[in-house]
Protein backbone atom coordinates (compact mmCIF):
# COMPACT_ATOMS: atom_id res chain seq x y z
CA MET A 1 0.00 0.00 0.00
CA GLU A 2 2.74 2.44 0.89
CA MET A 3 4.70 1.63 -2.24
CA ASN A 4 1.67 2.38 -4.41
CA GLU A 5 1.18 5.80 -2.75
CA TYR A 6 4.88 6.67 -3.28
CA ALA A 7 4.65 5.72 -6.96
CA MET A 8 1.54 7.83 -7.42
CA ASN A 9 3.24 10.81 -5.79
CA MET A 10 6.21 10.44 -8.07
CA ARG A 11 3.97 10.51 -11.11
CA GLU A 12 2.17 13.62 -9.85
CA ASP A 13 5.44 15.50 -8.95
CA PRO A 14 8.23 14.18 -11.08
CA VAL A 15 11.74 15.00 -9.83
CA ASP A 16 13.91 17.04 -12.18
CA PRO A 17 17.35 15.39 -12.20
CA LEU A 18 19.11 18.64 -12.99
CA HIS A 19 17.31 20.42 -10.17
CA SER A 20 18.46 17.80 -7.73
CA PHE A 21 22.05 18.13 -8.95
CA ASP A 22 21.95 21.90 -8.55
CA ALA A 23 20.68 21.53 -5.04
CA ILE A 24 23.48 19.16 -4.21
CA LYS A 25 26.01 21.41 -5.88
CA MET A 26 24.94 24.52 -3.97
CA SER A 27 25.21 22.69 -0.69
CA VAL A 28 28.92 22.12 -1.28
CA PRO A 29 31.19 25.02 -0.13
CA SER A 30 32.58 27.08 -2.97
CA PRO A 31 36.31 26.63 -3.60
CA LEU A 32 36.61 30.44 -3.79
CA SER A 33 35.73 30.97 -0.13
CA GLU A 34 36.76 29.62 3.26
CA TYR A 35 34.79 29.44 6.46
CA ILE A 36 36.13 29.58 9.97
CA LEU A 37 34.15 27.46 12.35
CA ASN A 38 33.36 28.91 15.71
CA GLY A 39 33.49 26.98 18.92
CA SER A 40 30.00 25.51 18.37
CA GLY A 41 30.78 24.36 14.85
CA SER A 42 28.67 27.06 13.11
CA GLN A 43 29.90 29.16 10.20
CA PRO A 44 29.74 32.93 10.86
CA GLU A 45 28.58 34.87 7.83
CA ASP A 46 30.87 37.89 8.56
CA GLU A 47 34.15 35.89 8.54
CA VAL A 48 34.65 34.99 4.91
CA PHE A 49 38.20 34.88 3.48
CA THR A 50 39.29 35.40 -0.09
CA PRO A 51 41.48 32.89 -1.93
CA ILE A 52 44.54 35.16 -1.31
CA ASP A 53 43.87 35.12 2.43
CA THR A 54 43.59 31.37 2.26
CA VAL A 55 46.97 31.05 0.55
CA ASN A 56 48.61 33.40 3.07
CA ALA A 57 47.13 31.48 5.96
CA ALA A 58 48.33 28.23 4.50
CA THR A 59 51.82 29.68 4.01
CA SER A 60 51.98 30.92 7.59
CA ASP A 61 51.00 27.50 8.86
CA VAL A 62 53.85 25.76 7.08
CA THR A 63 56.29 24.25 9.57
CA ILE A 64 59.97 24.59 8.65
CA SER A 65 61.94 21.48 9.37
CA SER A 66 65.49 21.41 10.68
CA GLY A 67 66.75 19.93 7.43
CA GLY A 68 68.04 23.35 6.18
CA THR A 69 65.08 25.20 4.63
CA ALA A 70 65.34 28.64 2.98
CA GLY A 71 63.90 30.50 6.01
CA GLU A 72 66.47 29.03 8.40
CA GLU A 73 69.33 29.69 5.99
CA LEU A 74 68.35 33.35 5.73
CA SER A 75 68.09 33.60 9.51
CA GLU A 76 71.54 32.07 10.05
CA ASP A 77 73.06 34.33 7.39
CA LYS A 78 71.52 37.35 9.05
CA LEU A 79 72.95 36.34 12.44
CA LYS A 80 76.38 35.86 10.91
CA GLN A 81 76.19 39.30 9.28
CA ILE A 82 75.21 40.88 12.59
CA LYS A 83 78.13 39.18 14.37
CA ARG A 84 80.56 40.29 11.68
CA ALA A 85 79.27 43.86 11.89
CA GLN A 86 79.67 43.82 15.67
CA ASN A 87 83.23 42.48 15.38
CA ARG A 88 84.12 45.17 12.84
CA ALA A 89 82.67 47.89 15.08
CA ALA A 90 84.60 46.58 18.09
CA GLN A 91 87.86 46.42 16.12
CA ARG A 92 87.30 49.93 14.78
CA ALA A 93 86.64 51.28 18.28
CA PHE A 94 89.79 49.55 19.56
CA ARG A 95 91.89 51.05 16.75
CA GLU A 96 90.51 54.51 17.45
CA ARG A 97 91.32 54.23 21.15
CA LYS A 98 94.81 52.95 20.38
CA GLU A 99 95.49 55.78 17.90
CA LYS A 100 94.23 58.36 20.38
CA ARG A 101 96.46 56.97 23.15
CA LEU A 102 99.47 56.91 20.81
CA LYS A 103 98.91 60.57 19.94
CA GLU A 104 98.73 61.45 23.63
CA LEU A 105 101.96 59.58 24.33
CA GLU A 106 103.69 61.30 21.41
CA GLN A 107 102.60 64.69 22.74
CA GLU A 108 103.86 63.84 26.23
CA LEU A 109 107.16 62.66 24.75
CA ARG A 110 107.62 65.92 22.84
CA GLN A 111 106.88 67.95 25.95
CA SER A 112 109.29 65.84 27.97
CA GLU A 113 112.00 66.37 25.35
CA VAL A 114 111.50 70.14 25.42
CA HIS A 115 111.62 70.13 29.22
CA ARG A 116 114.78 68.03 29.18
CA LYS A 117 116.50 70.48 26.83
CA GLN A 118 115.53 73.37 29.08
CA LEU A 119 116.93 71.56 32.09
CA ASP A 120 120.17 70.82 30.23
CA GLN A 121 120.54 74.48 29.32
CA GLU A 122 119.83 75.56 32.89
CA LEU A 123 122.32 73.01 34.22
CA GLU A 124 124.99 74.23 31.83
CA ARG A 125 124.36 77.84 32.84
CA LEU A 126 124.55 77.00 36.53
CA SER A 127 127.74 75.01 36.00
CA LYS A 128 129.40 77.99 34.33
CA ALA A 129 128.22 80.31 37.10
CA ASN A 130 129.54 77.90 39.71
CA LEU A 131 132.93 77.76 38.03
CA GLU A 132 133.09 81.54 37.91
CA MET A 133 132.13 81.84 41.58
CA ASN A 134 134.69 79.24 42.62
CA ALA A 135 137.40 81.02 40.65
CA GLU A 136 136.48 84.36 42.18
CA LYS A 137 136.29 82.85 45.64
CA LYS A 138 139.71 81.27 45.23
CA MET A 139 141.15 84.57 44.10
CA LEU A 140 139.67 86.42 47.07
CA LEU A 141 140.92 83.77 49.48
CA GLU A 142 144.40 84.13 48.07
CA GLN A 143 144.18 87.90 48.55
CA GLY A 144 143.07 87.39 52.16
CA THR A 145 140.39 90.06 52.03
CA ILE A 146 137.43 88.11 53.50
CA ASP A 147 135.86 89.90 56.47
CA ASP A 148 132.44 90.45 57.91
CA TYR A 149 129.72 92.30 55.99
CA GLY A 150 127.72 95.40 56.87
CA THR A 151 124.49 97.17 55.94
CA GLN A 152 123.17 98.86 52.80
CA GLY A 153 124.17 102.38 51.86
CA LYS A 154 124.89 104.51 48.84
CA ARG A 155 126.92 103.58 45.78
CA PHE A 156 130.60 102.96 46.42
CA THR A 157 133.20 105.30 44.99
CA PHE A 158 136.89 104.58 45.19
CA PRO A 159 138.99 107.03 47.16
CA ASN A 160 140.74 109.58 44.98
CA GLU A 161 144.23 110.94 45.42
CA THR A 162 142.98 113.63 47.79
CA ASP A 163 141.50 110.97 50.03
CA HIS A 164 144.79 109.10 50.05
CA GLU A 165 146.59 112.22 51.03
CA HIS A 166 143.97 112.89 53.67
CA PHE A 167 144.36 109.49 55.29
CA GLY A 168 148.10 109.54 54.92
CA SER A 169 148.56 105.83 54.04
CA LEU A 170 147.19 103.00 51.85
CA GLU A 171 146.06 101.15 54.94
CA GLU A 172 143.87 104.02 55.94
CA ALA A 173 142.51 104.16 52.36
CA ARG A 174 141.70 100.46 52.47
CA ARG A 175 139.84 100.87 55.74
CA TYR A 176 137.96 103.82 54.29
CA ARG A 177 136.92 101.68 51.28
CA LEU A 178 135.72 98.81 53.47
CA ASN A 179 133.77 101.18 55.71
CA LEU A 180 132.19 102.76 52.64
CA ILE A 181 131.12 99.37 51.29
CA GLN A 182 129.60 98.54 54.65
CA ALA A 183 127.67 101.80 54.60
CA GLN A 184 126.50 101.46 51.00
CA GLY A 185 125.74 97.71 50.90
CA HIS A 186 126.69 97.33 47.24
CA TYR A 187 129.50 98.08 44.80
CA TYR A 188 130.59 97.41 41.22
CA ASP A 189 133.18 94.79 40.34
CA GLU A 190 135.89 95.11 37.71
CA ALA A 191 133.46 93.99 34.97
CA GLY A 192 131.02 96.75 35.93
CA LYS A 193 128.46 94.38 37.49
CA GLU A 194 126.63 95.58 40.58
CA ILE A 195 127.23 93.35 43.61
CA LEU A 196 124.76 93.37 46.53
CA THR A 197 125.64 92.35 50.05
CA ILE A 198 123.24 90.06 51.91
CA PRO A 199 121.50 92.92 53.80
CA ALA A 200 121.32 94.91 50.57
CA THR A 201 119.85 91.89 48.80
CA TRP A 202 117.13 91.56 51.44
CA ASP A 203 116.24 95.24 51.19
CA TYR A 204 116.25 95.07 47.39
CA LEU A 205 113.91 92.07 47.36
CA HIS A 206 111.60 93.77 49.85
CA LYS A 207 111.30 96.85 47.62
CA LEU A 208 110.66 94.70 44.56
CA SER A 209 107.95 92.72 46.38
CA GLU A 210 106.05 95.97 46.94
CA GLN A 211 105.87 96.50 43.17
CA LEU A 212 105.79 92.91 41.89
CA PRO A 213 103.98 90.01 43.60
CA PHE A 214 106.39 87.09 44.08
CA ASN A 215 107.54 84.72 46.82
CA VAL A 216 110.54 86.37 48.48
CA ALA A 217 111.34 83.25 50.50
CA GLY A 218 111.49 81.21 47.30
CA VAL A 219 114.03 83.63 45.80
CA LEU A 220 116.16 83.49 48.95
CA ASP A 221 116.16 79.70 48.81
CA ASN A 222 117.30 79.79 45.19
CA LEU A 223 120.10 82.22 46.10
CA LYS A 224 121.66 79.71 48.49
CA GLY A 225 125.03 78.55 47.22
CA LYS A 226 125.28 81.28 44.57
CA GLN A 227 126.97 83.96 46.66
CA VAL A 228 130.27 85.62 45.73
CA CYS A 229 132.92 87.16 47.97
CA HIS A 230 133.60 90.89 47.89
CA GLY A 231 135.99 91.40 50.78
CA LEU A 232 133.30 91.90 53.40
CA GLY A 233 131.61 88.50 53.24
CA ALA A 234 129.04 86.98 50.93
CA ALA A 235 127.24 88.97 48.23
CA TYR A 236 125.11 88.37 45.14
CA PRO A 237 125.28 89.87 41.64
CA ARG A 238 122.22 91.99 41.03
CA THR A 239 121.71 90.38 37.62
CA LEU A 240 121.39 87.00 39.33
CA VAL A 241 118.89 88.38 41.84
CA ASP A 242 116.79 89.92 39.05
CA GLN A 243 116.81 86.67 37.12
CA LEU A 244 115.66 84.62 40.10
CA VAL A 245 112.93 87.16 40.87
CA GLN A 246 111.64 86.90 37.31
CA GLU A 247 111.65 83.08 37.44
CA GLN A 248 109.85 83.06 40.79
CA TYR A 249 107.24 85.53 39.49
CA ILE A 250 106.52 83.33 36.46
CA LYS A 251 106.33 80.25 38.68
CA ASP A 252 103.91 81.92 41.10
CA ALA A 253 101.75 83.17 38.22
CA GLY A 254 101.58 79.65 36.76
CA CYS A 255 100.53 78.16 40.09
CA ALA A 256 97.80 80.76 40.47
């Protein structure tokens, strides 16, 4: 009975074979689109991807094996390039530091050489001055004219013939000369250089210190051992005193 009813229905509503095929075909997802299933297994209508998106997604999902693919080779090459660049930068920085230090050492060496030459010249000058002082000291000792020294006074003038006649003897003239040197505190040697006794040197330095700022004690220390004999004790050439004052002034100005 049921089979007869089904046959009659088929004759009343015949099935179009093409229509059935189209229905089946439309139910299959199109190859030009992709669907992303949500957690419940449904297919959201607003999340449709194009074929290009599908290809990109497939490419991103490719797993690179450790057998030496192109991506890993590029990554290793990039790491090697970075390491080489870092090594070159480190070597360049080292060379720059080394060149800078070499230049500093060369500059210090040149300055040291200039300073050494200046010291050699100063040593030679002091040696000559020492020889001259020793020769003069020896001559004065042989003459036996070393006595005590006095205070500063006016410029010394040798006694003239009238003075000799006034004193009546050379011994009296000699005493007059020594007393005059004691009163004056300075005199001129045979070469025309002014010689200052120790008291005269102190007074001279004190007057200079009022006009020029310098360390008087430093000059006095430098004068030690450079004295000459003049018949009344130790004395100093004025040129030597002026030179030491100038050197002390430059030294004090540099320290300031």
